[in-house]
Amino acid sequence: MKDQNGNSENDQIHPDQSQKGNPADCTCVSNPYASLPPELRPKPKSTMGGLRKVTCPNCGLKYWTNRQIDLCIDCEKKGVQHSETK
């Protein structure tokens, strides 16, 4: 059935429904960088605790480390210097 304004019962908003959104639903509140392009948004902090994935330049082993040099433990024990690698 239509009411006086020409709206059907399905078009009417019930009292428990609100047209106004919750302020937390707005992206400007939850994500202040939403309007920036992806390449300009700040990078999320690493959850790996400072670890990075590297490949040993001598033997090709892929592993995670927090050390500054990329040599794996085995190559370092053998006495291979970082400057001697390929």
C-alpha atoms as a PDB file:
ATOM      1  CA  MET A   1       0.000   0.000   0.000  1.00  0.00           C
ATOM      2  CA  LYS A   2       1.120   3.534  -0.650  1.00  0.00           C
ATOM      3  CA  ASP A   3       0.964   6.341   1.895  1.00  0.00           C
ATOM      4  CA  GLN A   4       0.096   9.980   1.270  1.00  0.00           C
ATOM      5  CA  ASN A   5       3.584  10.751  -0.119  1.00  0.00           C
ATOM      6  CA  GLY A   6       3.505   7.840  -2.570  1.00  0.00           C
ATOM      7  CA  ASN A   7       5.926   5.675  -0.573  1.00  0.00           C
ATOM      8  CA  SER A   8       5.200   2.024   0.030  1.00  0.00           C
ATOM      9  CA  GLU A   9       5.499   0.417   3.452  1.00  0.00           C
ATOM     10  CA  ASN A  10       8.823  -1.144   2.432  1.00  0.00           C
ATOM     11  CA  ASP A  11      10.286   2.287   1.642  1.00  0.00           C
ATOM     12  CA  GLN A  12       9.576   3.704   5.087  1.00  0.00           C
ATOM     13  CA  ILE A  13      12.296   3.819   7.711  1.00  0.00           C
ATOM     14  CA  HIS A  14      11.444   2.187  10.991  1.00  0.00           C
ATOM     15  CA  PRO A  15      12.112   4.103  14.227  1.00  0.00           C
ATOM     16  CA  ASP A  16      14.955   1.758  15.203  1.00  0.00           C
ATOM     17  CA  GLN A  17      16.770   2.429  11.908  1.00  0.00           C
ATOM     18  CA  SER A  18      18.733   5.646  11.605  1.00  0.00           C
ATOM     19  CA  GLN A  19      19.680   7.502   8.442  1.00  0.00           C
ATOM     20  CA  LYS A  20      22.733   8.998  10.131  1.00  0.00           C
ATOM     21  CA  GLY A  21      25.796   6.761  10.294  1.00  0.00           C
ATOM     22  CA  ASN A  22      27.812   6.201  13.379  1.00  0.00           C
ATOM     23  CA  PRO A  23      30.877   8.545  13.408  1.00  0.00           C
ATOM     24  CA  ALA A  24      33.130   5.473  13.706  1.00  0.00           C
ATOM     25  CA  ASP A  25      31.714   4.209  10.386  1.00  0.00           C
ATOM     26  CA  CYS A  26      33.175   7.184   8.532  1.00  0.00           C
ATOM     27  CA  THR A  27      36.506   6.351   6.839  1.00  0.00           C
ATOM     28  CA  CYS A  28      37.918   9.747   7.771  1.00  0.00           C
ATOM     29  CA  VAL A  29      37.758   8.731  11.438  1.00  0.00           C
ATOM     30  CA  SER A  30      38.849   5.111  11.119  1.00  0.00           C
ATOM     31  CA  ASN A  31      41.480   5.688   8.379  1.00  0.00           C
ATOM     32  CA  PRO A  32      42.780   9.261   8.075  1.00  0.00           C
ATOM     33  CA  TYR A  33      44.856   8.257   5.017  1.00  0.00           C
ATOM     34  CA  ALA A  34      41.923   6.880   3.001  1.00  0.00           C
ATOM     35  CA  SER A  35      41.904   9.877   0.657  1.00  0.00           C
ATOM     36  CA  LEU A  36      45.597   9.447  -0.231  1.00  0.00           C
ATOM     37  CA  PRO A  37      46.690   7.252  -3.127  1.00  0.00           C
ATOM     38  CA  PRO A  38      48.159   3.900  -1.977  1.00  0.00           C
ATOM     39  CA  GLU A  39      51.753   4.830  -2.814  1.00  0.00           C
ATOM     40  CA  LEU A  40      51.597   7.903  -0.522  1.00  0.00           C
ATOM     41  CA  ARG A  41      50.029   6.139   2.474  1.00  0.00           C
ATOM     42  CA  PRO A  42      52.391   5.351   5.346  1.00  0.00           C
ATOM     43  CA  LYS A  43      53.650   1.778   5.436  1.00  0.00           C
ATOM     44  CA  PRO A  44      52.358  -0.367   8.300  1.00  0.00           C
ATOM     45  CA  LYS A  45      54.895  -1.299  10.925  1.00  0.00           C
ATOM     46  CA  SER A  46      56.453  -4.695  10.459  1.00  0.00           C
ATOM     47  CA  THR A  47      55.104  -7.392  12.735  1.00  0.00           C
ATOM     48  CA  MET A  48      58.227  -9.499  12.215  1.00  0.00           C
ATOM     49  CA  GLY A  49      60.207  -7.672  14.887  1.00  0.00           C
ATOM     50  CA  GLY A  50      62.913  -6.300  12.616  1.00  0.00           C
ATOM     51  CA  LEU A  51      63.448  -9.496  10.622  1.00  0.00           C
ATOM     52  CA  ARG A  52      63.966  -9.336   6.877  1.00  0.00           C
ATOM     53  CA  LYS A  53      64.067 -12.069   4.260  1.00  0.00           C
ATOM     54  CA  VAL A  54      67.435 -12.337   2.487  1.00  0.00           C
ATOM     55  CA  THR A  55      69.275 -14.663   0.124  1.00  0.00           C
ATOM     56  CA  CYS A  56      72.849 -15.609   0.927  1.00  0.00           C
ATOM     57  CA  PRO A  57      74.981 -14.241  -1.937  1.00  0.00           C
ATOM     58  CA  ASN A  58      77.399 -17.175  -1.605  1.00  0.00           C
ATOM     59  CA  CYS A  59      75.215 -20.312  -1.431  1.00  0.00           C
ATOM     60  CA  GLY A  60      71.758 -18.973  -2.361  1.00  0.00           C
ATOM     61  CA  LEU A  61      70.072 -19.988   0.904  1.00  0.00           C
ATOM     62  CA  LYS A  62      66.908 -17.961   1.597  1.00  0.00           C
ATOM     63  CA  TYR A  63      66.355 -17.178   5.261  1.00  0.00           C
ATOM     64  CA  TRP A  64      65.095 -14.558   7.728  1.00  0.00           C
ATOM     65  CA  THR A  65      67.582 -12.446   9.679  1.00  0.00           C
ATOM     66  CA  ASN A  66      67.922  -9.274  11.675  1.00  0.00           C
ATOM     67  CA  ARG A  67      71.678  -8.976  11.007  1.00  0.00           C
ATOM     68  CA  GLN A  68      73.222  -6.363   8.715  1.00  0.00           C
ATOM     69  CA  ILE A  69      75.149  -8.826   6.545  1.00  0.00           C
ATOM     70  CA  ASP A  70      73.417 -11.196   4.139  1.00  0.00           C
ATOM     71  CA  LEU A  71      75.765 -14.163   4.598  1.00  0.00           C
ATOM     72  CA  CYS A  72      74.145 -17.208   6.176  1.00  0.00           C
ATOM     73  CA  ILE A  73      75.606 -18.681   9.348  1.00  0.00           C
ATOM     74  CA  ASP A  74      77.205 -21.616   7.473  1.00  0.00           C
ATOM     75  CA  CYS A  75      79.059 -19.400   4.975  1.00  0.00           C
ATOM     76  CA  GLU A  76      80.145 -17.096   7.774  1.00  0.00           C
ATOM     77  CA  LYS A  77      81.542 -20.077   9.737  1.00  0.00           C
ATOM     78  CA  LYS A  78      83.455 -21.215   6.626  1.00  0.00           C
ATOM     79  CA  GLY A  79      85.201 -17.861   6.627  1.00  0.00           C
ATOM     80  CA  VAL A  80      83.656 -16.491   3.442  1.00  0.00           C
ATOM     81  CA  GLN A  81      83.921 -12.708   3.445  1.00  0.00           C
ATOM     82  CA  HIS A  82      81.044 -10.617   2.111  1.00  0.00           C
ATOM     83  CA  SER A  83      83.362  -8.985  -0.450  1.00  0.00           C
ATOM     84  CA  GLU A  84      84.451 -12.429  -1.737  1.00  0.00           C
ATOM     85  CA  THR A  85      80.919 -13.403  -2.751  1.00  0.00           C
ATOM     86  CA  LYS A  86      79.703 -13.395  -6.332  1.00  0.00           C
END
